[in-house]
Amino acid sequence: MGMIEKTTRMNFLFDFYQALLTDKQRSYMQLYYLDDLSLGEIAEEYDISRQAVYDNIRRTEAMLEEYEEKLNLFTKFEKRQETIDQLLLVVKDQSSEQTLIQLINQLKEWD
């Protein structure tokens, strides 16, 4: 996974699971991923070592991945988005009613 994909994924996971993080974890992730601050800048702001910031962010990333593994909120969201995109194509295409019904039922399954 490239850096851009990882950043996008972390932003989504953070979005879904931030309520489960501590204030400190939330702050570091927000500054690093959303505000694009460097580890050094965050370390300076909190008056701690760059390594401490790095360790905290890595641990938080692992936690977010663990939450996703158990709860699948992001995966379900992605699947829903894909199905919605397909639905839009079908509607524009005026395709078969059967395909429409199938896609709509697919959306129902993930909740």
PDB file of N, CA and C in Angstrom:
ATOM      1  N   MET A   1       0.849  -1.193   0.000  1.00  0.00           N
ATOM      2  CA  MET A   1       0.000   0.000   0.000  1.00  0.00           C
ATOM      3  C   MET A   1       0.890   1.250   0.000  1.00  0.00           C
ATOM      4  N   GLY A   2       0.645   2.149  -0.953  1.00  0.00           N
ATOM      5  CA  GLY A   2       1.442   3.364  -1.030  1.00  0.00           C
ATOM      6  C   GLY A   2       1.069   4.351   0.075  1.00  0.00           C
ATOM      7  N   MET A   3       1.859   5.406   0.183  1.00  0.00           N
ATOM      8  CA  MET A   3       1.648   6.389   1.243  1.00  0.00           C
ATOM      9  C   MET A   3       0.284   7.082   1.113  1.00  0.00           C
ATOM     10  N   ILE A   4      -0.112   7.384  -0.133  1.00  0.00           N
ATOM     11  CA  ILE A   4      -1.383   8.087  -0.341  1.00  0.00           C
ATOM     12  C   ILE A   4      -2.549   7.190   0.063  1.00  0.00           C
ATOM     13  N   GLU A   5      -2.485   5.897  -0.357  1.00  0.00           N
ATOM     14  CA  GLU A   5      -3.551   4.968   0.022  1.00  0.00           C
ATOM     15  C   GLU A   5      -3.605   4.821   1.530  1.00  0.00           C
ATOM     16  N   LYS A   6      -2.428   4.728   2.166  1.00  0.00           N
ATOM     17  CA  LYS A   6      -2.382   4.548   3.616  1.00  0.00           C
ATOM     18  C   LYS A   6      -2.998   5.767   4.308  1.00  0.00           C
ATOM     19  N   THR A   7      -2.635   6.963   3.836  1.00  0.00           N
ATOM     20  CA  THR A   7      -3.175   8.190   4.425  1.00  0.00           C
ATOM     21  C   THR A   7      -4.688   8.243   4.267  1.00  0.00           C
ATOM     22  N   THR A   8      -5.169   7.914   3.073  1.00  0.00           N
ATOM     23  CA  THR A   8      -6.612   7.912   2.826  1.00  0.00           C
ATOM     24  C   THR A   8      -7.294   6.910   3.739  1.00  0.00           C
ATOM     25  N   ARG A   9      -6.728   5.718   3.828  1.00  0.00           N
ATOM     26  CA  ARG A   9      -7.309   4.671   4.687  1.00  0.00           C
ATOM     27  C   ARG A   9      -7.344   5.132   6.146  1.00  0.00           C
ATOM     28  N   MET A  10      -6.229   5.692   6.633  1.00  0.00           N
ATOM     29  CA  MET A  10      -6.164   6.140   8.028  1.00  0.00           C
ATOM     30  C   MET A  10      -7.175   7.260   8.292  1.00  0.00           C
ATOM     31  N   ASN A  11      -7.334   8.153   7.327  1.00  0.00           N
ATOM     32  CA  ASN A  11      -8.319   9.229   7.488  1.00  0.00           C
ATOM     33  C   ASN A  11      -9.725   8.656   7.648  1.00  0.00           C
ATOM     34  N   PHE A  12     -10.046   7.638   6.836  1.00  0.00           N
ATOM     35  CA  PHE A  12     -11.361   6.999   6.939  1.00  0.00           C
ATOM     36  C   PHE A  12     -11.509   6.274   8.268  1.00  0.00           C
ATOM     37  N   LEU A  13     -10.493   5.478   8.636  1.00  0.00           N
ATOM     38  CA  LEU A  13     -10.569   4.724   9.890  1.00  0.00           C
ATOM     39  C   LEU A  13     -10.686   5.683  11.067  1.00  0.00           C
ATOM     40  N   PHE A  14      -9.936   6.766  11.014  1.00  0.00           N
ATOM     41  CA  PHE A  14      -9.994   7.775  12.078  1.00  0.00           C
ATOM     42  C   PHE A  14     -11.407   8.343  12.170  1.00  0.00           C
ATOM     43  N   ASP A  15     -11.970   8.623  11.016  1.00  0.00           N
ATOM     44  CA  ASP A  15     -13.327   9.150  10.934  1.00  0.00           C
ATOM     45  C   ASP A  15     -14.339   8.217  11.610  1.00  0.00           C
ATOM     46  N   PHE A  16     -14.217   6.931  11.312  1.00  0.00           N
ATOM     47  CA  PHE A  16     -15.162   5.954  11.843  1.00  0.00           C
ATOM     48  C   PHE A  16     -14.949   5.654  13.327  1.00  0.00           C
ATOM     49  N   TYR A  17     -13.692   5.627  13.764  1.00  0.00           N
ATOM     50  CA  TYR A  17     -13.399   5.104  15.107  1.00  0.00           C
ATOM     51  C   TYR A  17     -12.814   6.113  16.086  1.00  0.00           C
ATOM     52  N   GLN A  18     -12.754   7.385  15.723  1.00  0.00           N
ATOM     53  CA  GLN A  18     -12.076   8.333  16.614  1.00  0.00           C
ATOM     54  C   GLN A  18     -12.706   8.420  18.004  1.00  0.00           C
ATOM     55  N   ALA A  19     -14.002   8.146  18.083  1.00  0.00           N
ATOM     56  CA  ALA A  19     -14.675   8.207  19.389  1.00  0.00           C
ATOM     57  C   ALA A  19     -14.115   7.165  20.359  1.00  0.00           C
ATOM     58  N   LEU A  20     -13.443   6.136  19.825  1.00  0.00           N
ATOM     59  CA  LEU A  20     -12.892   5.076  20.671  1.00  0.00           C
ATOM     60  C   LEU A  20     -11.457   5.377  21.123  1.00  0.00           C
ATOM     61  N   LEU A  21     -10.911   6.498  20.673  1.00  0.00           N
ATOM     62  CA  LEU A  21      -9.526   6.853  21.019  1.00  0.00           C
ATOM     63  C   LEU A  21      -9.484   7.799  22.211  1.00  0.00           C
ATOM     64  N   THR A  22      -8.307   7.879  22.840  1.00  0.00           N
ATOM     65  CA  THR A  22      -8.116   8.860  23.922  1.00  0.00           C
ATOM     66  C   THR A  22      -7.934  10.243  23.284  1.00  0.00           C
ATOM     67  N   ASP A  23      -8.054  11.286  24.078  1.00  0.00           N
ATOM     68  CA  ASP A  23      -7.868  12.651  23.575  1.00  0.00           C
ATOM     69  C   ASP A  23      -6.488  12.823  22.952  1.00  0.00           C
ATOM     70  N   LYS A  24      -5.480  12.265  23.614  1.00  0.00           N
ATOM     71  CA  LYS A  24      -4.110  12.404  23.114  1.00  0.00           C
ATOM     72  C   LYS A  24      -3.955  11.702  21.768  1.00  0.00           C
ATOM     73  N   GLN A  25      -4.474  10.486  21.677  1.00  0.00           N
ATOM     74  CA  GLN A  25      -4.397   9.751  20.414  1.00  0.00           C
ATOM     75  C   GLN A  25      -5.110  10.509  19.307  1.00  0.00           C
ATOM     76  N   ARG A  26      -6.272  11.040  19.641  1.00  0.00           N
ATOM     77  CA  ARG A  26      -7.045  11.815  18.664  1.00  0.00           C
ATOM     78  C   ARG A  26      -6.251  13.023  18.188  1.00  0.00           C
ATOM     79  N   SER A  27      -5.648  13.743  19.126  1.00  0.00           N
ATOM     80  CA  SER A  27      -4.868  14.944  18.775  1.00  0.00           C
ATOM     81  C   SER A  27      -3.714  14.606  17.843  1.00  0.00           C
ATOM     82  N   TYR A  28      -2.913  13.602  18.214  1.00  0.00           N
ATOM     83  CA  TYR A  28      -1.746  13.238  17.393  1.00  0.00           C
ATOM     84  C   TYR A  28      -2.174  12.827  15.985  1.00  0.00           C
ATOM     85  N   MET A  29      -3.210  11.999  15.907  1.00  0.00           N
ATOM     86  CA  MET A  29      -3.664  11.510  14.593  1.00  0.00           C
ATOM     87  C   MET A  29      -4.184  12.666  13.744  1.00  0.00           C
ATOM     88  N   GLN A  30      -4.918  13.548  14.383  1.00  0.00           N
ATOM     89  CA  GLN A  30      -5.472  14.698  13.667  1.00  0.00           C
ATOM     90  C   GLN A  30      -4.346  15.590  13.126  1.00  0.00           C
ATOM     91  N   LEU A  31      -3.382  15.882  13.981  1.00  0.00           N
ATOM     92  CA  LEU A  31      -2.271  16.748  13.565  1.00  0.00           C
ATOM     93  C   LEU A  31      -1.442  16.094  12.455  1.00  0.00           C
ATOM     94  N   TYR A  32      -1.213  14.790  12.593  1.00  0.00           N
ATOM     95  CA  TYR A  32      -0.352  14.094  11.641  1.00  0.00           C
ATOM     96  C   TYR A  32      -1.061  13.815  10.312  1.00  0.00           C
ATOM     97  N   TYR A  33      -2.273  13.289  10.387  1.00  0.00           N
ATOM     98  CA  TYR A  33      -2.961  12.870   9.158  1.00  0.00           C
ATOM     99  C   TYR A  33      -3.842  13.948   8.532  1.00  0.00           C
ATOM    100  N   LEU A  34      -4.540  14.722   9.355  1.00  0.00           N
ATOM    101  CA  LEU A  34      -5.461  15.703   8.779  1.00  0.00           C
ATOM    102  C   LEU A  34      -4.797  17.058   8.571  1.00  0.00           C
ATOM    103  N   ASP A  35      -3.984  17.482   9.555  1.00  0.00           N
ATOM    104  CA  ASP A  35      -3.338  18.801   9.437  1.00  0.00           C
ATOM    105  C   ASP A  35      -1.967  18.720   8.785  1.00  0.00           C
ATOM    106  N   ASP A  36      -1.498  17.476   8.536  1.00  0.00           N
ATOM    107  CA  ASP A  36      -0.246  17.254   7.809  1.00  0.00           C
ATOM    108  C   ASP A  36       0.988  17.816   8.509  1.00  0.00           C
ATOM    109  N   LEU A  37       0.995  17.807   9.838  1.00  0.00           N
ATOM    110  CA  LEU A  37       2.181  18.242  10.581  1.00  0.00           C
ATOM    111  C   LEU A  37       3.192  17.098  10.605  1.00  0.00           C
ATOM    112  N   SER A  38       4.476  17.442  10.704  1.00  0.00           N
ATOM    113  CA  SER A  38       5.510  16.404  10.779  1.00  0.00           C
ATOM    114  C   SER A  38       5.592  15.888  12.219  1.00  0.00           C
ATOM    115  N   LEU A  39       6.249  14.748  12.392  1.00  0.00           N
ATOM    116  CA  LEU A  39       6.452  14.194  13.740  1.00  0.00           C
ATOM    117  C   LEU A  39       7.200  15.202  14.608  1.00  0.00           C
ATOM    118  N   GLY A  40       8.188  15.869  13.991  1.00  0.00           N
ATOM    119  CA  GLY A  40       8.980  16.872  14.715  1.00  0.00           C
ATOM    120  C   GLY A  40       8.140  18.039  15.211  1.00  0.00           C
ATOM    121  N   GLU A  41       7.239  18.505  14.344  1.00  0.00           N
ATOM    122  CA  GLU A  41       6.370  19.636  14.719  1.00  0.00           C
ATOM    123  C   GLU A  41       5.423  19.261  15.856  1.00  0.00           C
ATOM    124  N   ILE A  42       4.890  18.025  15.791  1.00  0.00           N
ATOM    125  CA  ILE A  42       3.988  17.568  16.854  1.00  0.00           C
ATOM    126  C   ILE A  42       4.768  17.422  18.160  1.00  0.00           C
ATOM    127  N   ALA A  43       5.984  16.863  18.062  1.00  0.00           N
ATOM    128  CA  ALA A  43       6.839  16.669  19.240  1.00  0.00           C
ATOM    129  C   ALA A  43       7.126  18.013  19.912  1.00  0.00           C
ATOM    130  N   GLU A  44       7.396  19.011  19.087  1.00  0.00           N
ATOM    131  CA  GLU A  44       7.684  20.354  19.588  1.00  0.00           C
ATOM    132  C   GLU A  44       6.467  20.938  20.306  1.00  0.00           C
ATOM    133  N   GLU A  45       5.309  20.789  19.685  1.00  0.00           N
ATOM    134  CA  GLU A  45       4.079  21.333  20.248  1.00  0.00           C
ATOM    135  C   GLU A  45       3.744  20.715  21.606  1.00  0.00           C
ATOM    136  N   TYR A  46       4.031  19.414  21.759  1.00  0.00           N
ATOM    137  CA  TYR A  46       3.697  18.719  23.017  1.00  0.00           C
ATOM    138  C   TYR A  46       4.893  18.577  23.950  1.00  0.00           C
ATOM    139  N   ASP A  47       6.050  19.109  23.502  1.00  0.00           N
ATOM    140  CA  ASP A  47       7.273  19.064  24.301  1.00  0.00           C
ATOM    141  C   ASP A  47       7.641  17.632  24.703  1.00  0.00           C
ATOM    142  N   ILE A  48       7.616  16.740  23.719  1.00  0.00           N
ATOM    143  CA  ILE A  48       8.045  15.355  23.938  1.00  0.00           C
ATOM    144  C   ILE A  48       8.947  14.960  22.778  1.00  0.00           C
ATOM    145  N   SER A  49       9.528  13.756  22.848  1.00  0.00           N
ATOM    146  CA  SER A  49      10.444  13.334  21.776  1.00  0.00           C
ATOM    147  C   SER A  49       9.669  12.945  20.521  1.00  0.00           C
ATOM    148  N   ARG A  50      10.372  13.072  19.416  1.00  0.00           N
ATOM    149  CA  ARG A  50       9.812  12.691  18.120  1.00  0.00           C
ATOM    150  C   ARG A  50       9.447  11.208  18.145  1.00  0.00           C
ATOM    151  N   GLN A  51      10.308  10.404  18.805  1.00  0.00           N
ATOM    152  CA  GLN A  51      10.095   8.959  18.916  1.00  0.00           C
ATOM    153  C   GLN A  51       8.795   8.648  19.662  1.00  0.00           C
ATOM    154  N   ALA A  52       8.513   9.420  20.703  1.00  0.00           N
ATOM    155  CA  ALA A  52       7.289   9.208  21.494  1.00  0.00           C
ATOM    156  C   ALA A  52       6.045   9.463  20.625  1.00  0.00           C
ATOM    157  N   VAL A  53       6.115  10.508  19.804  1.00  0.00           N
ATOM    158  CA  VAL A  53       5.003  10.815  18.898  1.00  0.00           C
ATOM    159  C   VAL A  53       4.849   9.674  17.896  1.00  0.00           C
ATOM    160  N   TYR A  54       5.972   9.255  17.314  1.00  0.00           N
ATOM    161  CA  TYR A  54       5.974   8.176  16.325  1.00  0.00           C
ATOM    162  C   TYR A  54       5.348   6.909  16.908  1.00  0.00           C
ATOM    163  N   ASP A  55       5.800   6.522  18.111  1.00  0.00           N
ATOM    164  CA  ASP A  55       5.293   5.304  18.763  1.00  0.00           C
ATOM    165  C   ASP A  55       3.794   5.403  19.010  1.00  0.00           C
ATOM    166  N   ASN A  56       3.353   6.572  19.472  1.00  0.00           N
ATOM    167  CA  ASN A  56       1.931   6.767  19.762  1.00  0.00           C
ATOM    168  C   ASN A  56       1.093   6.639  18.488  1.00  0.00           C
ATOM    169  N   ILE A  57       1.564   7.267  17.411  1.00  0.00           N
ATOM    170  CA  ILE A  57       0.829   7.213  16.141  1.00  0.00           C
ATOM    171  C   ILE A  57       0.786   5.779  15.608  1.00  0.00           C
ATOM    172  N   ARG A  58       1.923   5.076  15.653  1.00  0.00           N
ATOM    173  CA  ARG A  58       1.951   3.684  15.172  1.00  0.00           C
ATOM    174  C   ARG A  58       1.003   2.804  15.986  1.00  0.00           C
ATOM    175  N   ARG A  59       1.011   2.974  17.306  1.00  0.00           N
ATOM    176  CA  ARG A  59       0.112   2.186  18.166  1.00  0.00           C
ATOM    177  C   ARG A  59      -1.350   2.489  17.845  1.00  0.00           C
ATOM    178  N   THR A  60      -1.634   3.769  17.637  1.00  0.00           N
ATOM    179  CA  THR A  60      -3.015   4.171  17.328  1.00  0.00           C
ATOM    180  C   THR A  60      -3.450   3.614  15.980  1.00  0.00           C
ATOM    181  N   GLU A  61      -2.555   3.640  14.991  1.00  0.00           N
ATOM    182  CA  GLU A  61      -2.869   3.058  13.675  1.00  0.00           C
ATOM    183  C   GLU A  61      -3.226   1.578  13.824  1.00  0.00           C
ATOM    184  N   ALA A  62      -2.436   0.872  14.631  1.00  0.00           N
ATOM    185  CA  ALA A  62      -2.681  -0.561  14.843  1.00  0.00           C
ATOM    186  C   ALA A  62      -4.033  -0.777  15.515  1.00  0.00           C
ATOM    187  N   MET A  63      -4.376   0.094  16.465  1.00  0.00           N
ATOM    188  CA  MET A  63      -5.674   0.006  17.136  1.00  0.00           C
ATOM    189  C   MET A  63      -6.813   0.223  16.145  1.00  0.00           C
ATOM    190  N   LEU A  64      -6.662   1.236  15.284  1.00  0.00           N
ATOM    191  CA  LEU A  64      -7.700   1.527  14.297  1.00  0.00           C
ATOM    192  C   LEU A  64      -7.899   0.324  13.369  1.00  0.00           C
ATOM    193  N   GLU A  65      -6.794  -0.306  12.966  1.00  0.00           N
ATOM    194  CA  GLU A  65      -6.881  -1.487  12.100  1.00  0.00           C
ATOM    195  C   GLU A  65      -7.583  -2.638  12.825  1.00  0.00           C
ATOM    196  N   GLU A  66      -7.311  -2.750  14.129  1.00  0.00           N
ATOM    197  CA  GLU A  66      -7.949  -3.791  14.929  1.00  0.00           C
ATOM    198  C   GLU A  66      -9.456  -3.550  15.043  1.00  0.00           C
ATOM    199  N   TYR A  67      -9.838  -2.305  15.271  1.00  0.00           N
ATOM    200  CA  TYR A  67     -11.271  -1.970  15.339  1.00  0.00           C
ATOM    201  C   TYR A  67     -11.945  -2.316  14.010  1.00  0.00           C
ATOM    202  N   GLU A  68     -11.266  -1.986  12.919  1.00  0.00           N
ATOM    203  CA  GLU A  68     -11.831  -2.244  11.597  1.00  0.00           C
ATOM    204  C   GLU A  68     -11.979  -3.754  11.360  1.00  0.00           C
ATOM    205  N   GLU A  69     -10.984  -4.511  11.805  1.00  0.00           N
ATOM    206  CA  GLU A  69     -11.023  -5.963  11.661  1.00  0.00           C
ATOM    207  C   GLU A  69     -12.251  -6.540  12.360  1.00  0.00           C
ATOM    208  N   LYS A  70     -12.576  -5.966  13.528  1.00  0.00           N
ATOM    209  CA  LYS A  70     -13.701  -6.482  14.309  1.00  0.00           C
ATOM    210  C   LYS A  70     -15.048  -5.928  13.851  1.00  0.00           C
ATOM    211  N   LEU A  71     -15.077  -4.643  13.503  1.00  0.00           N
ATOM    212  CA  LEU A  71     -16.364  -3.977  13.242  1.00  0.00           C
ATOM    213  C   LEU A  71     -16.675  -3.734  11.764  1.00  0.00           C
ATOM    214  N   ASN A  72     -15.635  -3.710  10.942  1.00  0.00           N
ATOM    215  CA  ASN A  72     -15.821  -3.578   9.478  1.00  0.00           C
ATOM    216  C   ASN A  72     -16.603  -2.358   9.000  1.00  0.00           C
ATOM    217  N   LEU A  73     -16.600  -1.276   9.733  1.00  0.00           N
ATOM    218  CA  LEU A  73     -17.380  -0.107   9.315  1.00  0.00           C
ATOM    219  C   LEU A  73     -16.885   0.465   7.989  1.00  0.00           C
ATOM    220  N   PHE A  74     -15.558   0.536   7.834  1.00  0.00           N
ATOM    221  CA  PHE A  74     -14.996   1.099   6.613  1.00  0.00           C
ATOM    222  C   PHE A  74     -15.245   0.180   5.421  1.00  0.00           C
ATOM    223  N   THR A  75     -15.053  -1.127   5.635  1.00  0.00           N
ATOM    224  CA  THR A  75     -15.269  -2.102   4.561  1.00  0.00           C
ATOM    225  C   THR A  75     -16.714  -2.050   4.076  1.00  0.00           C
ATOM    226  N   LYS A  76     -17.654  -2.007   5.016  1.00  0.00           N
ATOM    227  CA  LYS A  76     -19.075  -1.927   4.647  1.00  0.00           C
ATOM    228  C   LYS A  76     -19.368  -0.630   3.903  1.00  0.00           C
ATOM    229  N   PHE A  77     -18.761   0.445   4.369  1.00  0.00           N
ATOM    230  CA  PHE A  77     -18.932   1.749   3.720  1.00  0.00           C
ATOM    231  C   PHE A  77     -18.448   1.680   2.271  1.00  0.00           C
ATOM    232  N   GLU A  78     -17.250   1.093   2.075  1.00  0.00           N
ATOM    233  CA  GLU A  78     -16.692   0.969   0.714  1.00  0.00           C
ATOM    234  C   GLU A  78     -17.610   0.146  -0.186  1.00  0.00           C
ATOM    235  N   LYS A  79     -18.118  -0.968   0.345  1.00  0.00           N
ATOM    236  CA  LYS A  79     -19.007  -1.827  -0.442  1.00  0.00           C
ATOM    237  C   LYS A  79     -20.288  -1.090  -0.807  1.00  0.00           C
ATOM    238  N   ARG A  80     -20.815  -0.343   0.161  1.00  0.00           N
ATOM    239  CA  ARG A  80     -22.036   0.435  -0.110  1.00  0.00           C
ATOM    240  C   ARG A  80     -21.780   1.461  -1.202  1.00  0.00           C
ATOM    241  N   GLN A  81     -20.621   2.146  -1.117  1.00  0.00           N
ATOM    242  CA  GLN A  81     -20.283   3.153  -2.129  1.00  0.00           C
ATOM    243  C   GLN A  81     -20.194   2.522  -3.518  1.00  0.00           C
ATOM    244  N   GLU A  82     -19.547   1.346  -3.582  1.00  0.00           N
ATOM    245  CA  GLU A  82     -19.422   0.640  -4.868  1.00  0.00           C
ATOM    246  C   GLU A  82     -20.800   0.308  -5.431  1.00  0.00           C
ATOM    247  N   THR A  83     -21.672  -0.211  -4.577  1.00  0.00           N
ATOM    248  CA  THR A  83     -23.019  -0.594  -5.022  1.00  0.00           C
ATOM    249  C   THR A  83     -23.805   0.629  -5.460  1.00  0.00           C
ATOM    250  N   ILE A  84     -23.656   1.715  -4.728  1.00  0.00           N
ATOM    251  CA  ILE A  84     -24.356   2.960  -5.095  1.00  0.00           C
ATOM    252  C   ILE A  84     -23.871   3.439  -6.467  1.00  0.00           C
ATOM    253  N   ASP A  85     -22.547   3.377  -6.695  1.00  0.00           N
ATOM    254  CA  ASP A  85     -22.006   3.760  -8.008  1.00  0.00           C
ATOM    255  C   ASP A  85     -22.591   2.887  -9.115  1.00  0.00           C
ATOM    256  N   GLN A  86     -22.685   1.574  -8.843  1.00  0.00           N
ATOM    257  CA  GLN A  86     -23.270   0.652  -9.836  1.00  0.00           C
ATOM    258  C   GLN A  86     -24.738   0.997 -10.073  1.00  0.00           C
ATOM    259  N   LEU A  87     -25.449   1.283  -9.001  1.00  0.00           N
ATOM    260  CA  LEU A  87     -26.867   1.657  -9.116  1.00  0.00           C
ATOM    261  C   LEU A  87     -27.039   2.872 -10.017  1.00  0.00           C
ATOM    262  N   LEU A  88     -26.184   3.862  -9.805  1.00  0.00           N
ATOM    263  CA  LEU A  88     -26.268   5.078 -10.613  1.00  0.00           C
ATOM    264  C   LEU A  88     -26.049   4.776 -12.090  1.00  0.00           C
ATOM    265  N   LEU A  89     -25.088   3.888 -12.384  1.00  0.00           N
ATOM    266  CA  LEU A  89     -24.841   3.499 -13.774  1.00  0.00           C
ATOM    267  C   LEU A  89     -26.053   2.798 -14.369  1.00  0.00           C
ATOM    268  N   VAL A  90     -26.623   1.886 -13.592  1.00  0.00           N
ATOM    269  CA  VAL A  90     -27.788   1.136 -14.064  1.00  0.00           C
ATOM    270  C   VAL A  90     -28.950   2.088 -14.354  1.00  0.00           C
ATOM    271  N   VAL A  91     -29.156   3.028 -13.456  1.00  0.00           N
ATOM    272  CA  VAL A  91     -30.247   3.990 -13.627  1.00  0.00           C
ATOM    273  C   VAL A  91     -30.013   4.828 -14.886  1.00  0.00           C
ATOM    274  N   LYS A  92     -28.771   5.309 -15.075  1.00  0.00           N
ATOM    275  CA  LYS A  92     -28.446   6.100 -16.272  1.00  0.00           C
ATOM    276  C   LYS A  92     -28.635   5.280 -17.539  1.00  0.00           C
ATOM    277  N   ASP A  93     -28.281   3.992 -17.439  1.00  0.00           N
ATOM    278  CA  ASP A  93     -28.376   3.064 -18.566  1.00  0.00           C
ATOM    279  C   ASP A  93     -29.791   2.594 -18.855  1.00  0.00           C
ATOM    280  N   GLN A  94     -30.660   2.822 -17.871  1.00  0.00           N
ATOM    281  CA  GLN A  94     -32.032   2.302 -17.961  1.00  0.00           C
ATOM    282  C   GLN A  94     -31.996   0.782 -18.124  1.00  0.00           C
ATOM    283  N   SER A  95     -31.061   0.145 -17.416  1.00  0.00           N
ATOM    284  CA  SER A  95     -30.905  -1.307 -17.521  1.00  0.00           C
ATOM    285  C   SER A  95     -32.081  -2.045 -16.894  1.00  0.00           C
ATOM    286  N   SER A  96     -31.931  -3.337 -16.873  1.00  0.00           N
ATOM    287  CA  SER A  96     -33.040  -4.189 -16.425  1.00  0.00           C
ATOM    288  C   SER A  96     -33.438  -3.930 -14.979  1.00  0.00           C
ATOM    289  N   GLU A  97     -34.711  -4.073 -14.766  1.00  0.00           N
ATOM    290  CA  GLU A  97     -35.298  -3.920 -13.435  1.00  0.00           C
ATOM    291  C   GLU A  97     -34.689  -4.946 -12.477  1.00  0.00           C
ATOM    292  N   GLN A  98     -34.402  -6.131 -13.000  1.00  0.00           N
ATOM    293  CA  GLN A  98     -33.838  -7.225 -12.209  1.00  0.00           C
ATOM    294  C   GLN A  98     -32.501  -6.812 -11.577  1.00  0.00           C
ATOM    295  N   THR A  99     -31.644  -6.180 -12.381  1.00  0.00           N
ATOM    296  CA  THR A  99     -30.336  -5.739 -11.892  1.00  0.00           C
ATOM    297  C   THR A  99     -30.517  -4.701 -10.795  1.00  0.00           C
ATOM    298  N   LEU A 100     -31.445  -3.793 -10.988  1.00  0.00           N
ATOM    299  CA  LEU A 100     -31.736  -2.770  -9.980  1.00  0.00           C
ATOM    300  C   LEU A 100     -32.142  -3.404  -8.660  1.00  0.00           C
ATOM    301  N   ILE A 101     -33.059  -4.339  -8.727  1.00  0.00           N
ATOM    302  CA  ILE A 101     -33.556  -5.011  -7.524  1.00  0.00           C
ATOM    303  C   ILE A 101     -32.417  -5.748  -6.820  1.00  0.00           C
ATOM    304  N   GLN A 102     -31.587  -6.401  -7.606  1.00  0.00           N
ATOM    305  CA  GLN A 102     -30.439  -7.145  -7.066  1.00  0.00           C
ATOM    306  C   GLN A 102     -29.495  -6.205  -6.309  1.00  0.00           C
ATOM    307  N   LEU A 103     -29.174  -5.061  -6.896  1.00  0.00           N
ATOM    308  CA  LEU A 103     -28.260  -4.105  -6.269  1.00  0.00           C
ATOM    309  C   LEU A 103     -28.861  -3.502  -5.006  1.00  0.00           C
ATOM    310  N   ILE A 104     -30.141  -3.211  -5.049  1.00  0.00           N
ATOM    311  CA  ILE A 104     -30.800  -2.639  -3.867  1.00  0.00           C
ATOM    312  C   ILE A 104     -30.803  -3.661  -2.728  1.00  0.00           C
ATOM    313  N   ASN A 105     -31.063  -4.923  -3.056  1.00  0.00           N
ATOM    314  CA  ASN A 105     -31.032  -5.971  -2.035  1.00  0.00           C
ATOM    315  C   ASN A 105     -29.630  -6.143  -1.456  1.00  0.00           C
ATOM    316  N   GLN A 106     -28.638  -5.967  -2.311  1.00  0.00           N
ATOM    317  CA  GLN A 106     -27.234  -6.047  -1.885  1.00  0.00           C
ATOM    318  C   GLN A 106     -26.953  -4.980  -0.821  1.00  0.00           C
ATOM    319  N   LEU A 107     -27.474  -3.797  -1.020  1.00  0.00           N
ATOM    320  CA  LEU A 107     -27.285  -2.716  -0.039  1.00  0.00           C
ATOM    321  C   LEU A 107     -27.867  -3.094   1.304  1.00  0.00           C
ATOM    322  N   LYS A 108     -29.007  -3.747   1.300  1.00  0.00           N
ATOM    323  CA  LYS A 108     -29.678  -4.141   2.544  1.00  0.00           C
ATOM    324  C   LYS A 108     -28.845  -5.134   3.360  1.00  0.00           C
ATOM    325  N   GLU A 109     -28.113  -6.009   2.680  1.00  0.00           N
ATOM    326  CA  GLU A 109     -27.388  -7.095   3.344  1.00  0.00           C
ATOM    327  C   GLU A 109     -26.308  -6.634   4.303  1.00  0.00           C
ATOM    328  N   TRP A 110     -25.746  -5.448   4.110  1.00  0.00           N
ATOM    329  CA  TRP A 110     -24.557  -5.065   4.887  1.00  0.00           C
ATOM    330  C   TRP A 110     -24.850  -4.408   6.207  1.00  0.00           C
ATOM    331  N   ASP A 111     -26.068  -4.198   6.552  1.00  0.00           N
ATOM    332  CA  ASP A 111     -26.329  -3.522   7.822  1.00  0.00           C
ATOM    333  C   ASP A 111     -26.537  -4.476   8.971  1.00  0.00           C
TER     334      ASP A 111
END
